[in-house]
Amino acid sequence: MAVNQPRRILIVEDEPLIAMMLEDFIASLGHDVAGPCETVSEALSTVADGEFDLAILDVNLKGESVWPVATALRVRGIPFVLASGGHVEPPPPEFADTPMIEKPYTIDRVSPIIDAALARPLKP
């Protein structure tokens, strides 16, 4: 699949306004949006369904770490991007090389990170 073709992207974000802004950016880039999921349990349920091509994960969901979701995505072979508002612990070693985007989002930063995540070979 070509990187620039429309994809379905899961948003895992606990702040509704940030999620809506990211949804708008993704739609304006020609992609479909799955979610948003606001909690780890909601995201894990959505990952189990697997009806998307890529996920953008806020690393902190209402005080819960998103690492179980990242692990589930990796097991399923679904690429993902980590998102942070800054001032967070570095990701666990198994996710240290995962593409990361810092908030606040801008469309000029969202587009290349989506392309980079989709172009990366997946690690088991």
PDB file of N, CA and C in Angstrom:
ATOM      1  N   MET A   1       0.823  -1.190   0.000  1.00  0.00           N
ATOM      2  CA  MET A   1       0.000   0.000   0.000  1.00  0.00           C
ATOM      3  C   MET A   1       0.861   1.246   0.000  1.00  0.00           C
ATOM      4  N   ALA A   2       0.483   2.201  -0.787  1.00  0.00           N
ATOM      5  CA  ALA A   2       1.215   3.464  -0.820  1.00  0.00           C
ATOM      6  C   ALA A   2       0.951   4.237   0.464  1.00  0.00           C
ATOM      7  N   VAL A   3       1.963   4.930   0.934  1.00  0.00           N
ATOM      8  CA  VAL A   3       1.851   5.674   2.183  1.00  0.00           C
ATOM      9  C   VAL A   3       0.807   6.775   2.073  1.00  0.00           C
ATOM     10  N   ASN A   4       0.692   7.414   0.909  1.00  0.00           N
ATOM     11  CA  ASN A   4      -0.162   8.586   0.797  1.00  0.00           C
ATOM     12  C   ASN A   4      -1.624   8.275   0.455  1.00  0.00           C
ATOM     13  N   GLN A   5      -2.024   7.030   0.441  1.00  0.00           N
ATOM     14  CA  GLN A   5      -3.429   6.742   0.192  1.00  0.00           C
ATOM     15  C   GLN A   5      -4.220   6.896   1.486  1.00  0.00           C
ATOM     16  N   PRO A   6      -5.530   7.155   1.381  1.00  0.00           N
ATOM     17  CA  PRO A   6      -6.334   7.363   2.595  1.00  0.00           C
ATOM     18  C   PRO A   6      -6.287   6.154   3.521  1.00  0.00           C
ATOM     19  N   ARG A   7      -6.164   6.431   4.798  1.00  0.00           N
ATOM     20  CA  ARG A   7      -6.114   5.398   5.830  1.00  0.00           C
ATOM     21  C   ARG A   7      -7.146   5.701   6.901  1.00  0.00           C
ATOM     22  N   ARG A   8      -7.410   4.718   7.731  1.00  0.00           N
ATOM     23  CA  ARG A   8      -8.275   4.893   8.902  1.00  0.00           C
ATOM     24  C   ARG A   8      -7.346   4.974  10.112  1.00  0.00           C
ATOM     25  N   ILE A   9      -7.436   6.080  10.844  1.00  0.00           N
ATOM     26  CA  ILE A   9      -6.504   6.363  11.934  1.00  0.00           C
ATOM     27  C   ILE A   9      -7.265   6.450  13.254  1.00  0.00           C
ATOM     28  N   LEU A  10      -6.821   5.658  14.217  1.00  0.00           N
ATOM     29  CA  LEU A  10      -7.401   5.660  15.557  1.00  0.00           C
ATOM     30  C   LEU A  10      -6.768   6.763  16.386  1.00  0.00           C
ATOM     31  N   ILE A  11      -7.612   7.541  17.044  1.00  0.00           N
ATOM     32  CA  ILE A  11      -7.140   8.578  17.966  1.00  0.00           C
ATOM     33  C   ILE A  11      -7.399   8.091  19.387  1.00  0.00           C
ATOM     34  N   VAL A  12      -6.341   8.062  20.190  1.00  0.00           N
ATOM     35  CA  VAL A  12      -6.457   7.724  21.604  1.00  0.00           C
ATOM     36  C   VAL A  12      -6.002   8.971  22.365  1.00  0.00           C
ATOM     37  N   GLU A  13      -6.975   9.717  22.890  1.00  0.00           N
ATOM     38  CA  GLU A  13      -6.718  11.038  23.474  1.00  0.00           C
ATOM     39  C   GLU A  13      -7.805  11.325  24.502  1.00  0.00           C
ATOM     40  N   ASP A  14      -7.415  11.731  25.714  1.00  0.00           N
ATOM     41  CA  ASP A  14      -8.392  11.959  26.774  1.00  0.00           C
ATOM     42  C   ASP A  14      -8.924  13.390  26.855  1.00  0.00           C
ATOM     43  N   GLU A  15      -8.378  14.294  26.080  1.00  0.00           N
ATOM     44  CA  GLU A  15      -8.856  15.680  26.071  1.00  0.00           C
ATOM     45  C   GLU A  15      -9.731  15.896  24.833  1.00  0.00           C
ATOM     46  N   PRO A  16     -11.062  16.073  25.012  1.00  0.00           N
ATOM     47  CA  PRO A  16     -11.970  16.163  23.861  1.00  0.00           C
ATOM     48  C   PRO A  16     -11.611  17.251  22.842  1.00  0.00           C
ATOM     49  N   LEU A  17     -11.201  18.419  23.302  1.00  0.00           N
ATOM     50  CA  LEU A  17     -10.874  19.490  22.347  1.00  0.00           C
ATOM     51  C   LEU A  17      -9.645  19.142  21.514  1.00  0.00           C
ATOM     52  N   ILE A  18      -8.657  18.525  22.151  1.00  0.00           N
ATOM     53  CA  ILE A  18      -7.457  18.112  21.420  1.00  0.00           C
ATOM     54  C   ILE A  18      -7.812  17.015  20.420  1.00  0.00           C
ATOM     55  N   ALA A  19      -8.655  16.067  20.850  1.00  0.00           N
ATOM     56  CA  ALA A  19      -9.085  14.990  19.956  1.00  0.00           C
ATOM     57  C   ALA A  19      -9.839  15.548  18.747  1.00  0.00           C
ATOM     58  N   MET A  20     -10.715  16.530  18.977  1.00  0.00           N
ATOM     59  CA  MET A  20     -11.467  17.124  17.862  1.00  0.00           C
ATOM     60  C   MET A  20     -10.537  17.836  16.883  1.00  0.00           C
ATOM     61  N   MET A  21      -9.555  18.551  17.404  1.00  0.00           N
ATOM     62  CA  MET A  21      -8.605  19.234  16.532  1.00  0.00           C
ATOM     63  C   MET A  21      -7.823  18.211  15.699  1.00  0.00           C
ATOM     64  N   LEU A  22      -7.372  17.136  16.329  1.00  0.00           N
ATOM     65  CA  LEU A  22      -6.640  16.103  15.613  1.00  0.00           C
ATOM     66  C   LEU A  22      -7.533  15.428  14.572  1.00  0.00           C
ATOM     67  N   GLU A  23      -8.793  15.184  14.919  1.00  0.00           N
ATOM     68  CA  GLU A  23      -9.748  14.626  13.949  1.00  0.00           C
ATOM     69  C   GLU A  23      -9.848  15.527  12.716  1.00  0.00           C
ATOM     70  N   ASP A  24      -9.953  16.837  12.942  1.00  0.00           N
ATOM     71  CA  ASP A  24     -10.039  17.789  11.822  1.00  0.00           C
ATOM     72  C   ASP A  24      -8.791  17.722  10.948  1.00  0.00           C
ATOM     73  N   PHE A  25      -7.615  17.669  11.563  1.00  0.00           N
ATOM     74  CA  PHE A  25      -6.369  17.579  10.798  1.00  0.00           C
ATOM     75  C   PHE A  25      -6.346  16.301   9.964  1.00  0.00           C
ATOM     76  N   ILE A  26      -6.691  15.187  10.579  1.00  0.00           N
ATOM     77  CA  ILE A  26      -6.666  13.896   9.883  1.00  0.00           C
ATOM     78  C   ILE A  26      -7.649  13.893   8.720  1.00  0.00           C
ATOM     79  N   ALA A  27      -8.846  14.412   8.941  1.00  0.00           N
ATOM     80  CA  ALA A  27      -9.843  14.474   7.866  1.00  0.00           C
ATOM     81  C   ALA A  27      -9.376  15.387   6.736  1.00  0.00           C
ATOM     82  N   SER A  28      -8.760  16.518   7.089  1.00  0.00           N
ATOM     83  CA  SER A  28      -8.300  17.441   6.049  1.00  0.00           C
ATOM     84  C   SER A  28      -7.154  16.848   5.231  1.00  0.00           C
ATOM     85  N   LEU A  29      -6.458  15.870   5.799  1.00  0.00           N
ATOM     86  CA  LEU A  29      -5.395  15.169   5.066  1.00  0.00           C
ATOM     87  C   LEU A  29      -5.950  14.024   4.213  1.00  0.00           C
ATOM     88  N   GLY A  30      -7.270  13.821   4.271  1.00  0.00           N
ATOM     89  CA  GLY A  30      -7.911  12.809   3.435  1.00  0.00           C
ATOM     90  C   GLY A  30      -8.053  11.444   4.076  1.00  0.00           C
ATOM     91  N   HIS A  31      -7.816  11.353   5.386  1.00  0.00           N
ATOM     92  CA  HIS A  31      -7.930  10.080   6.096  1.00  0.00           C
ATOM     93  C   HIS A  31      -9.250  10.009   6.852  1.00  0.00           C
ATOM     94  N   ASP A  32      -9.655   8.796   7.227  1.00  0.00           N
ATOM     95  CA  ASP A  32     -10.816   8.578   8.084  1.00  0.00           C
ATOM     96  C   ASP A  32     -10.345   8.464   9.522  1.00  0.00           C
ATOM     97  N   VAL A  33     -11.256   8.767  10.455  1.00  0.00           N
ATOM     98  CA  VAL A  33     -10.915   8.729  11.872  1.00  0.00           C
ATOM     99  C   VAL A  33     -11.674   7.601  12.560  1.00  0.00           C
ATOM    100  N   ALA A  34     -10.970   6.852  13.385  1.00  0.00           N
ATOM    101  CA  ALA A  34     -11.570   5.887  14.295  1.00  0.00           C
ATOM    102  C   ALA A  34     -11.426   6.476  15.696  1.00  0.00           C
ATOM    103  N   GLY A  35     -12.397   6.224  16.541  1.00  0.00           N
ATOM    104  CA  GLY A  35     -12.370   6.772  17.889  1.00  0.00           C
ATOM    105  C   GLY A  35     -13.016   8.140  17.909  1.00  0.00           C
ATOM    106  N   PRO A  36     -12.613   8.990  18.801  1.00  0.00           N
ATOM    107  CA  PRO A  36     -11.492   8.836  19.711  1.00  0.00           C
ATOM    108  C   PRO A  36     -11.821   7.951  20.908  1.00  0.00           C
ATOM    109  N   CYS A  37     -10.774   7.371  21.470  1.00  0.00           N
ATOM    110  CA  CYS A  37     -10.858   6.606  22.711  1.00  0.00           C
ATOM    111  C   CYS A  37     -10.245   7.474  23.809  1.00  0.00           C
ATOM    112  N   GLU A  38     -10.928   7.545  24.954  1.00  0.00           N
ATOM    113  CA  GLU A  38     -10.453   8.405  26.040  1.00  0.00           C
ATOM    114  C   GLU A  38      -9.760   7.647  27.173  1.00  0.00           C
ATOM    115  N   THR A  39      -9.897   6.306  27.196  1.00  0.00           N
ATOM    116  CA  THR A  39      -9.316   5.525  28.277  1.00  0.00           C
ATOM    117  C   THR A  39      -8.529   4.343  27.715  1.00  0.00           C
ATOM    118  N   VAL A  40      -7.670   3.779  28.545  1.00  0.00           N
ATOM    119  CA  VAL A  40      -6.905   2.610  28.140  1.00  0.00           C
ATOM    120  C   VAL A  40      -7.841   1.450  27.828  1.00  0.00           C
ATOM    121  N   SER A  41      -8.846   1.221  28.668  1.00  0.00           N
ATOM    122  CA  SER A  41      -9.751   0.087  28.429  1.00  0.00           C
ATOM    123  C   SER A  41     -10.539   0.260  27.136  1.00  0.00           C
ATOM    124  N   GLU A  42     -10.996   1.466  26.860  1.00  0.00           N
ATOM    125  CA  GLU A  42     -11.712   1.731  25.605  1.00  0.00           C
ATOM    126  C   GLU A  42     -10.786   1.505  24.405  1.00  0.00           C
ATOM    127  N   ALA A  43      -9.555   1.967  24.519  1.00  0.00           N
ATOM    128  CA  ALA A  43      -8.591   1.801  23.427  1.00  0.00           C
ATOM    129  C   ALA A  43      -8.262   0.329  23.204  1.00  0.00           C
ATOM    130  N   LEU A  44      -8.093  -0.435  24.290  1.00  0.00           N
ATOM    131  CA  LEU A  44      -7.793  -1.863  24.144  1.00  0.00           C
ATOM    132  C   LEU A  44      -8.931  -2.592  23.445  1.00  0.00           C
ATOM    133  N   SER A  45     -10.153  -2.229  23.752  1.00  0.00           N
ATOM    134  CA  SER A  45     -11.309  -2.832  23.092  1.00  0.00           C
ATOM    135  C   SER A  45     -11.311  -2.499  21.600  1.00  0.00           C
ATOM    136  N   THR A  46     -11.004  -1.257  21.264  1.00  0.00           N
ATOM    137  CA  THR A  46     -10.961  -0.837  19.857  1.00  0.00           C
ATOM    138  C   THR A  46      -9.820  -1.532  19.119  1.00  0.00           C
ATOM    139  N   VAL A  47      -8.673  -1.675  19.768  1.00  0.00           N
ATOM    140  CA  VAL A  47      -7.538  -2.366  19.160  1.00  0.00           C
ATOM    141  C   VAL A  47      -7.905  -3.816  18.871  1.00  0.00           C
ATOM    142  N   ALA A  48      -8.650  -4.436  19.762  1.00  0.00           N
ATOM    143  CA  ALA A  48      -9.064  -5.828  19.555  1.00  0.00           C
ATOM    144  C   ALA A  48      -9.910  -5.972  18.296  1.00  0.00           C
ATOM    145  N   ASP A  49     -10.694  -4.940  17.982  1.00  0.00           N
ATOM    146  CA  ASP A  49     -11.503  -4.955  16.752  1.00  0.00           C
ATOM    147  C   ASP A  49     -10.631  -4.743  15.519  1.00  0.00           C
ATOM    148  N   GLY A  50      -9.592  -3.922  15.657  1.00  0.00           N
ATOM    149  CA  GLY A  50      -8.602  -3.738  14.605  1.00  0.00           C
ATOM    150  C   GLY A  50      -9.098  -3.149  13.306  1.00  0.00           C
ATOM    151  N   GLU A  51     -10.075  -2.270  13.347  1.00  0.00           N
ATOM    152  CA  GLU A  51     -10.637  -1.688  12.127  1.00  0.00           C
ATOM    153  C   GLU A  51      -9.969  -0.354  11.765  1.00  0.00           C
ATOM    154  N   PHE A  52      -8.652  -0.327  11.792  1.00  0.00           N
ATOM    155  CA  PHE A  52      -7.919   0.899  11.463  1.00  0.00           C
ATOM    156  C   PHE A  52      -6.507   0.516  11.032  1.00  0.00           C
ATOM    157  N   ASP A  53      -5.799   1.482  10.420  1.00  0.00           N
ATOM    158  CA  ASP A  53      -4.471   1.238   9.847  1.00  0.00           C
ATOM    159  C   ASP A  53      -3.321   1.790  10.683  1.00  0.00           C
ATOM    160  N   LEU A  54      -3.617   2.735  11.559  1.00  0.00           N
ATOM    161  CA  LEU A  54      -2.601   3.444  12.330  1.00  0.00           C
ATOM    162  C   LEU A  54      -3.283   4.027  13.555  1.00  0.00           C
ATOM    163  N   ALA A  55      -2.532   4.184  14.647  1.00  0.00           N
ATOM    164  CA  ALA A  55      -3.075   4.821  15.849  1.00  0.00           C
ATOM    165  C   ALA A  55      -2.158   5.946  16.289  1.00  0.00           C
ATOM    166  N   ILE A  56      -2.772   6.988  16.834  1.00  0.00           N
ATOM    167  CA  ILE A  56      -2.030   8.072  17.483  1.00  0.00           C
ATOM    168  C   ILE A  56      -2.414   8.013  18.949  1.00  0.00           C
ATOM    169  N   LEU A  57      -1.422   7.737  19.812  1.00  0.00           N
ATOM    170  CA  LEU A  57      -1.661   7.477  21.229  1.00  0.00           C
ATOM    171  C   LEU A  57      -1.121   8.573  22.120  1.00  0.00           C
ATOM    172  N   ASP A  58      -1.983   9.229  22.859  1.00  0.00           N
ATOM    173  CA  ASP A  58      -1.544  10.113  23.929  1.00  0.00           C
ATOM    174  C   ASP A  58      -0.925   9.212  24.994  1.00  0.00           C
ATOM    175  N   VAL A  59       0.263   9.523  25.469  1.00  0.00           N
ATOM    176  CA  VAL A  59       0.959   8.627  26.394  1.00  0.00           C
ATOM    177  C   VAL A  59       0.354   8.610  27.797  1.00  0.00           C
ATOM    178  N   ASN A  60      -0.440   9.625  28.138  1.00  0.00           N
ATOM    179  CA  ASN A  60      -1.042   9.707  29.461  1.00  0.00           C
ATOM    180  C   ASN A  60      -2.539   9.963  29.316  1.00  0.00           C
ATOM    181  N   LEU A  61      -3.336   8.964  29.684  1.00  0.00           N
ATOM    182  CA  LEU A  61      -4.792   9.072  29.578  1.00  0.00           C
ATOM    183  C   LEU A  61      -5.401   9.161  30.970  1.00  0.00           C
ATOM    184  N   LYS A  62      -5.712  10.378  31.391  1.00  0.00           N
ATOM    185  CA  LYS A  62      -6.284  10.600  32.719  1.00  0.00           C
ATOM    186  C   LYS A  62      -5.448   9.916  33.809  1.00  0.00           C
ATOM    187  N   GLY A  63      -4.135  10.031  33.694  1.00  0.00           N
ATOM    188  CA  GLY A  63      -3.229   9.464  34.681  1.00  0.00           C
ATOM    189  C   GLY A  63      -2.829   8.015  34.423  1.00  0.00           C
ATOM    190  N   GLU A  64      -3.433   7.376  33.428  1.00  0.00           N
ATOM    191  CA  GLU A  64      -3.086   5.994  33.077  1.00  0.00           C
ATOM    192  C   GLU A  64      -2.080   5.984  31.934  1.00  0.00           C
ATOM    193  N   SER A  65      -1.096   5.121  32.040  1.00  0.00           N
ATOM    194  CA  SER A  65      -0.101   4.964  30.983  1.00  0.00           C
ATOM    195  C   SER A  65      -0.710   4.215  29.800  1.00  0.00           C
ATOM    196  N   VAL A  66      -0.371   4.618  28.601  1.00  0.00           N
ATOM    197  CA  VAL A  66      -0.914   4.015  27.382  1.00  0.00           C
ATOM    198  C   VAL A  66      -0.133   2.777  26.932  1.00  0.00           C
ATOM    199  N   TRP A  67       0.887   2.384  27.676  1.00  0.00           N
ATOM    200  CA  TRP A  67       1.765   1.285  27.226  1.00  0.00           C
ATOM    201  C   TRP A  67       1.038  -0.033  26.967  1.00  0.00           C
ATOM    202  N   PRO A  68      -0.017  -0.409  27.713  1.00  0.00           N
ATOM    203  CA  PRO A  68      -0.732  -1.642  27.350  1.00  0.00           C
ATOM    204  C   PRO A  68      -1.353  -1.568  25.944  1.00  0.00           C
ATOM    205  N   VAL A  69      -1.781  -0.380  25.558  1.00  0.00           N
ATOM    206  CA  VAL A  69      -2.355  -0.191  24.217  1.00  0.00           C
ATOM    207  C   VAL A  69      -1.251  -0.309  23.175  1.00  0.00           C
ATOM    208  N   ALA A  70      -0.116   0.310  23.431  1.00  0.00           N
ATOM    209  CA  ALA A  70       1.022   0.225  22.504  1.00  0.00           C
ATOM    210  C   ALA A  70       1.453  -1.229  22.328  1.00  0.00           C
ATOM    211  N   THR A  71       1.485  -1.974  23.421  1.00  0.00           N
ATOM    212  CA  THR A  71       1.856  -3.387  23.347  1.00  0.00           C
ATOM    213  C   THR A  71       0.851  -4.163  22.495  1.00  0.00           C
ATOM    214  N   ALA A  72      -0.425  -3.917  22.705  1.00  0.00           N
ATOM    215  CA  ALA A  72      -1.471  -4.609  21.929  1.00  0.00           C
ATOM    216  C   ALA A  72      -1.360  -4.269  20.440  1.00  0.00           C
ATOM    217  N   LEU A  73      -1.062  -3.017  20.124  1.00  0.00           N
ATOM    218  CA  LEU A  73      -0.897  -2.623  18.719  1.00  0.00           C
ATOM    219  C   LEU A  73       0.298  -3.336  18.105  1.00  0.00           C
ATOM    220  N   ARG A  74       1.399  -3.379  18.839  1.00  0.00           N
ATOM    221  CA  ARG A  74       2.597  -4.040  18.323  1.00  0.00           C
ATOM    222  C   ARG A  74       2.326  -5.521  18.070  1.00  0.00           C
ATOM    223  N   VAL A  75       1.626  -6.191  18.977  1.00  0.00           N
ATOM    224  CA  VAL A  75       1.285  -7.609  18.815  1.00  0.00           C
ATOM    225  C   VAL A  75       0.434  -7.819  17.555  1.00  0.00           C
ATOM    226  N   ARG A  76      -0.470  -6.889  17.290  1.00  0.00           N
ATOM    227  CA  ARG A  76      -1.346  -6.994  16.118  1.00  0.00           C
ATOM    228  C   ARG A  76      -0.668  -6.514  14.839  1.00  0.00           C
ATOM    229  N   GLY A  77       0.513  -5.910  14.942  1.00  0.00           N
ATOM    230  CA  GLY A  77       1.216  -5.428  13.754  1.00  0.00           C
ATOM    231  C   GLY A  77       0.654  -4.143  13.199  1.00  0.00           C
ATOM    232  N   ILE A  78       0.040  -3.325  14.056  1.00  0.00           N
ATOM    233  CA  ILE A  78      -0.547  -2.050  13.631  1.00  0.00           C
ATOM    234  C   ILE A  78       0.396  -0.922  14.044  1.00  0.00           C
ATOM    235  N   PRO A  79       0.831  -0.098  13.082  1.00  0.00           N
ATOM    236  CA  PRO A  79       1.748   1.000  13.426  1.00  0.00           C
ATOM    237  C   PRO A  79       1.064   2.047  14.301  1.00  0.00           C
ATOM    238  N   PHE A  80       1.876   2.765  15.067  1.00  0.00           N
ATOM    239  CA  PHE A  80       1.335   3.810  15.922  1.00  0.00           C
ATOM    240  C   PHE A  80       2.365   4.905  16.144  1.00  0.00           C
ATOM    241  N   VAL A  81       1.837   6.046  16.589  1.00  0.00           N
ATOM    242  CA  VAL A  81       2.626   7.227  16.924  1.00  0.00           C
ATOM    243  C   VAL A  81       2.319   7.545  18.379  1.00  0.00           C
ATOM    244  N   LEU A  82       3.322   7.938  19.132  1.00  0.00           N
ATOM    245  CA  LEU A  82       3.121   8.380  20.502  1.00  0.00           C
ATOM    246  C   LEU A  82       2.995   9.898  20.515  1.00  0.00           C
ATOM    247  N   ALA A  83       2.076  10.399  21.323  1.00  0.00           N
ATOM    248  CA  ALA A  83       1.856  11.840  21.430  1.00  0.00           C
ATOM    249  C   ALA A  83       2.036  12.258  22.879  1.00  0.00           C
ATOM    250  N   SER A  84       2.693  13.383  23.073  1.00  0.00           N
ATOM    251  CA  SER A  84       2.971  13.848  24.423  1.00  0.00           C
ATOM    252  C   SER A  84       2.830  15.356  24.511  1.00  0.00           C
ATOM    253  N   GLY A  85       2.312  15.785  25.645  1.00  0.00           N
ATOM    254  CA  GLY A  85       2.257  17.209  25.925  1.00  0.00           C
ATOM    255  C   GLY A  85       3.529  17.699  26.579  1.00  0.00           C
ATOM    256  N   GLY A  86       4.532  16.836  26.651  1.00  0.00           N
ATOM    257  CA  GLY A  86       5.804  17.199  27.266  1.00  0.00           C
ATOM    258  C   GLY A  86       5.822  16.829  28.735  1.00  0.00           C
ATOM    259  N   HIS A  87       6.990  16.897  29.332  1.00  0.00           N
ATOM    260  CA  HIS A  87       7.180  16.620  30.751  1.00  0.00           C
ATOM    261  C   HIS A  87       6.676  15.242  31.153  1.00  0.00           C
ATOM    262  N   VAL A  88       6.948  14.241  30.335  1.00  0.00           N
ATOM    263  CA  VAL A  88       6.576  12.866  30.680  1.00  0.00           C
ATOM    264  C   VAL A  88       7.842  12.018  30.719  1.00  0.00           C
ATOM    265  N   GLU A  89       7.729  10.895  31.386  1.00  0.00           N
ATOM    266  CA  GLU A  89       8.834   9.946  31.415  1.00  0.00           C
ATOM    267  C   GLU A  89       9.108   9.445  30.001  1.00  0.00           C
ATOM    268  N   PRO A  90      10.345   9.107  29.683  1.00  0.00           N
ATOM    269  CA  PRO A  90      10.608   8.535  28.368  1.00  0.00           C
ATOM    270  C   PRO A  90       9.855   7.215  28.225  1.00  0.00           C
ATOM    271  N   PRO A  91       9.551   6.829  26.988  1.00  0.00           N
ATOM    272  CA  PRO A  91       8.841   5.566  26.798  1.00  0.00           C
ATOM    273  C   PRO A  91       9.692   4.391  27.257  1.00  0.00           C
ATOM    274  N   PRO A  92       9.028   3.272  27.580  1.00  0.00           N
ATOM    275  CA  PRO A  92       9.784   2.061  27.898  1.00  0.00           C
ATOM    276  C   PRO A  92      10.721   1.714  26.739  1.00  0.00           C
ATOM    277  N   PRO A  93      11.804   0.994  27.010  1.00  0.00           N
ATOM    278  CA  PRO A  93      12.789   0.699  25.966  1.00  0.00           C
ATOM    279  C   PRO A  93      12.195   0.098  24.692  1.00  0.00           C
ATOM    280  N   GLU A  94      11.163  -0.755  24.819  1.00  0.00           N
ATOM    281  CA  GLU A  94      10.598  -1.388  23.623  1.00  0.00           C
ATOM    282  C   GLU A  94       9.881  -0.405  22.705  1.00  0.00           C
ATOM    283  N   PHE A  95       9.599   0.799  23.206  1.00  0.00           N
ATOM    284  CA  PHE A  95       8.928   1.805  22.379  1.00  0.00           C
ATOM    285  C   PHE A  95       9.795   3.041  22.142  1.00  0.00           C
ATOM    286  N   ALA A  96      11.067   2.975  22.510  1.00  0.00           N
ATOM    287  CA  ALA A  96      11.960   4.131  22.411  1.00  0.00           C
ATOM    288  C   ALA A  96      12.136   4.625  20.976  1.00  0.00           C
ATOM    289  N   ASP A  97      11.991   3.733  20.000  1.00  0.00           N
ATOM    290  CA  ASP A  97      12.180   4.136  18.607  1.00  0.00           C
ATOM    291  C   ASP A  97      10.858   4.431  17.892  1.00  0.00           C
ATOM    292  N   THR A  98       9.768   4.468  18.628  1.00  0.00           N
ATOM    293  CA  THR A  98       8.456   4.757  18.044  1.00  0.00           C
ATOM    294  C   THR A  98       8.375   6.235  17.674  1.00  0.00           C
ATOM    295  N   PRO A  99       7.814   6.559  16.501  1.00  0.00           N
ATOM    296  CA  PRO A  99       7.656   7.974  16.158  1.00  0.00           C
ATOM    297  C   PRO A  99       6.854   8.714  17.234  1.00  0.00           C
ATOM    298  N   MET A 100       7.282   9.943  17.534  1.00  0.00           N
ATOM    299  CA  MET A 100       6.621  10.718  18.578  1.00  0.00           C
ATOM    300  C   MET A 100       6.317  12.116  18.072  1.00  0.00           C
ATOM    301  N   ILE A 101       5.151  12.608  18.459  1.00  0.00           N
ATOM    302  CA  ILE A 101       4.761  13.975  18.128  1.00  0.00           C
ATOM    303  C   ILE A 101       4.434  14.692  19.432  1.00  0.00           C
ATOM    304  N   GLU A 102       4.865  15.926  19.531  1.00  0.00           N
ATOM    305  CA  GLU A 102       4.566  16.711  20.718  1.00  0.00           C
ATOM    306  C   GLU A 102       3.371  17.603  20.455  1.00  0.00           C
ATOM    307  N   LYS A 103       2.588  17.795  21.517  1.00  0.00           N
ATOM    308  CA  LYS A 103       1.461  18.712  21.446  1.00  0.00           C
ATOM    309  C   LYS A 103       1.989  20.106  21.754  1.00  0.00           C
ATOM    310  N   PRO A 104       1.352  21.136  21.278  1.00  0.00           N
ATOM    311  CA  PRO A 104       0.107  21.113  20.520  1.00  0.00           C
ATOM    312  C   PRO A 104       0.339  20.647  19.087  1.00  0.00           C
ATOM    313  N   TYR A 105      -0.660  19.969  18.554  1.00  0.00           N
ATOM    314  CA  TYR A 105      -0.585  19.487  17.182  1.00  0.00           C
ATOM    315  C   TYR A 105      -0.694  20.637  16.197  1.00  0.00           C
ATOM    316  N   THR A 106       0.024  20.488  15.098  1.00  0.00           N
ATOM    317  CA  THR A 106      -0.194  21.350  13.941  1.00  0.00           C
ATOM    318  C   THR A 106      -0.301  20.412  12.739  1.00  0.00           C
ATOM    319  N   ILE A 107      -1.027  20.828  11.737  1.00  0.00           N
ATOM    320  CA  ILE A 107      -1.188  19.961  10.568  1.00  0.00           C
ATOM    321  C   ILE A 107       0.158  19.712   9.899  1.00  0.00           C
ATOM    322  N   ASP A 108       1.064  20.694   9.985  1.00  0.00           N
ATOM    323  CA  ASP A 108       2.388  20.545   9.383  1.00  0.00           C
ATOM    324  C   ASP A 108       3.242  19.501  10.095  1.00  0.00           C
ATOM    325  N   ARG A 109       2.908  19.170  11.334  1.00  0.00           N
ATOM    326  CA  ARG A 109       3.628  18.115  12.054  1.00  0.00           C
ATOM    327  C   ARG A 109       2.882  16.789  12.013  1.00  0.00           C
ATOM    328  N   VAL A 110       1.554  16.844  11.914  1.00  0.00           N
ATOM    329  CA  VAL A 110       0.752  15.608  11.886  1.00  0.00           C
ATOM    330  C   VAL A 110       0.972  14.843  10.583  1.00  0.00           C
ATOM    331  N   SER A 111       0.957  15.532   9.467  1.00  0.00           N
ATOM    332  CA  SER A 111       1.076  14.869   8.167  1.00  0.00           C
ATOM    333  C   SER A 111       2.367  14.057   8.035  1.00  0.00           C
ATOM    334  N   PRO A 112       3.553  14.638   8.298  1.00  0.00           N
ATOM    335  CA  PRO A 112       4.772  13.839   8.136  1.00  0.00           C
ATOM    336  C   PRO A 112       4.900  12.699   9.146  1.00  0.00           C
ATOM    337  N   ILE A 113       4.360  12.867  10.354  1.00  0.00           N
ATOM    338  CA  ILE A 113       4.492  11.792  11.337  1.00  0.00           C
ATOM    339  C   ILE A 113       3.605  10.611  10.946  1.00  0.00           C
ATOM    340  N   ILE A 114       2.448  10.881  10.348  1.00  0.00           N
ATOM    341  CA  ILE A 114       1.596   9.799   9.835  1.00  0.00           C
ATOM    342  C   ILE A 114       2.340   9.047   8.736  1.00  0.00           C
ATOM    343  N   ASP A 115       2.895   9.801   7.792  1.00  0.00           N
ATOM    344  CA  ASP A 115       3.641   9.172   6.692  1.00  0.00           C
ATOM    345  C   ASP A 115       4.819   8.352   7.218  1.00  0.00           C
ATOM    346  N   ALA A 116       5.554   8.906   8.197  1.00  0.00           N
ATOM    347  CA  ALA A 116       6.720   8.202   8.741  1.00  0.00           C
ATOM    348  C   ALA A 116       6.310   6.920   9.444  1.00  0.00           C
ATOM    349  N   ALA A 117       5.238   6.963  10.201  1.00  0.00           N
ATOM    350  CA  ALA A 117       4.792   5.769  10.929  1.00  0.00           C
ATOM    351  C   ALA A 117       4.331   4.675   9.957  1.00  0.00           C
ATOM    352  N   LEU A 118       3.648   5.067   8.895  1.00  0.00           N
ATOM    353  CA  LEU A 118       3.151   4.081   7.932  1.00  0.00           C
ATOM    354  C   LEU A 118       4.292   3.493   7.093  1.00  0.00           C
ATOM    355  N   ALA A 119       5.379   4.233   6.937  1.00  0.00           N
ATOM    356  CA  ALA A 119       6.492   3.766   6.115  1.00  0.00           C
ATOM    357  C   ALA A 119       7.460   2.878   6.889  1.00  0.00           C
ATOM    358  N   ARG A 120       7.390   2.879   8.215  1.00  0.00           N
ATOM    359  CA  ARG A 120       8.342   2.116   9.046  1.00  0.00           C
ATOM    360  C   ARG A 120       8.065   0.624   8.999  1.00  0.00           C
ATOM    361  N   PRO A 121       9.112  -0.166   8.985  1.00  0.00           N
ATOM    362  CA  PRO A 121       8.892  -1.613   9.154  1.00  0.00           C
ATOM    363  C   PRO A 121       8.479  -1.867  10.597  1.00  0.00           C
ATOM    364  N   LEU A 122       7.544  -2.770  10.785  1.00  0.00           N
ATOM    365  CA  LEU A 122       7.048  -3.071  12.127  1.00  0.00           C
ATOM    366  C   LEU A 122       7.945  -4.089  12.820  1.00  0.00           C
ATOM    367  N   LYS A 123       8.157  -3.845  14.112  1.00  0.00           N
ATOM    368  CA  LYS A 123       8.912  -4.800  14.930  1.00  0.00           C
ATOM    369  C   LYS A 123       7.921  -5.723  15.614  1.00  0.00           C
ATOM    370  N   PRO A 124       8.267  -6.990  15.750  1.00  0.00           N
ATOM    371  CA  PRO A 124       7.357  -7.894  16.477  1.00  0.00           C
ATOM    372  C   PRO A 124       7.337  -7.596  17.962  1.00  0.00           C
TER     373      PRO A 124
END
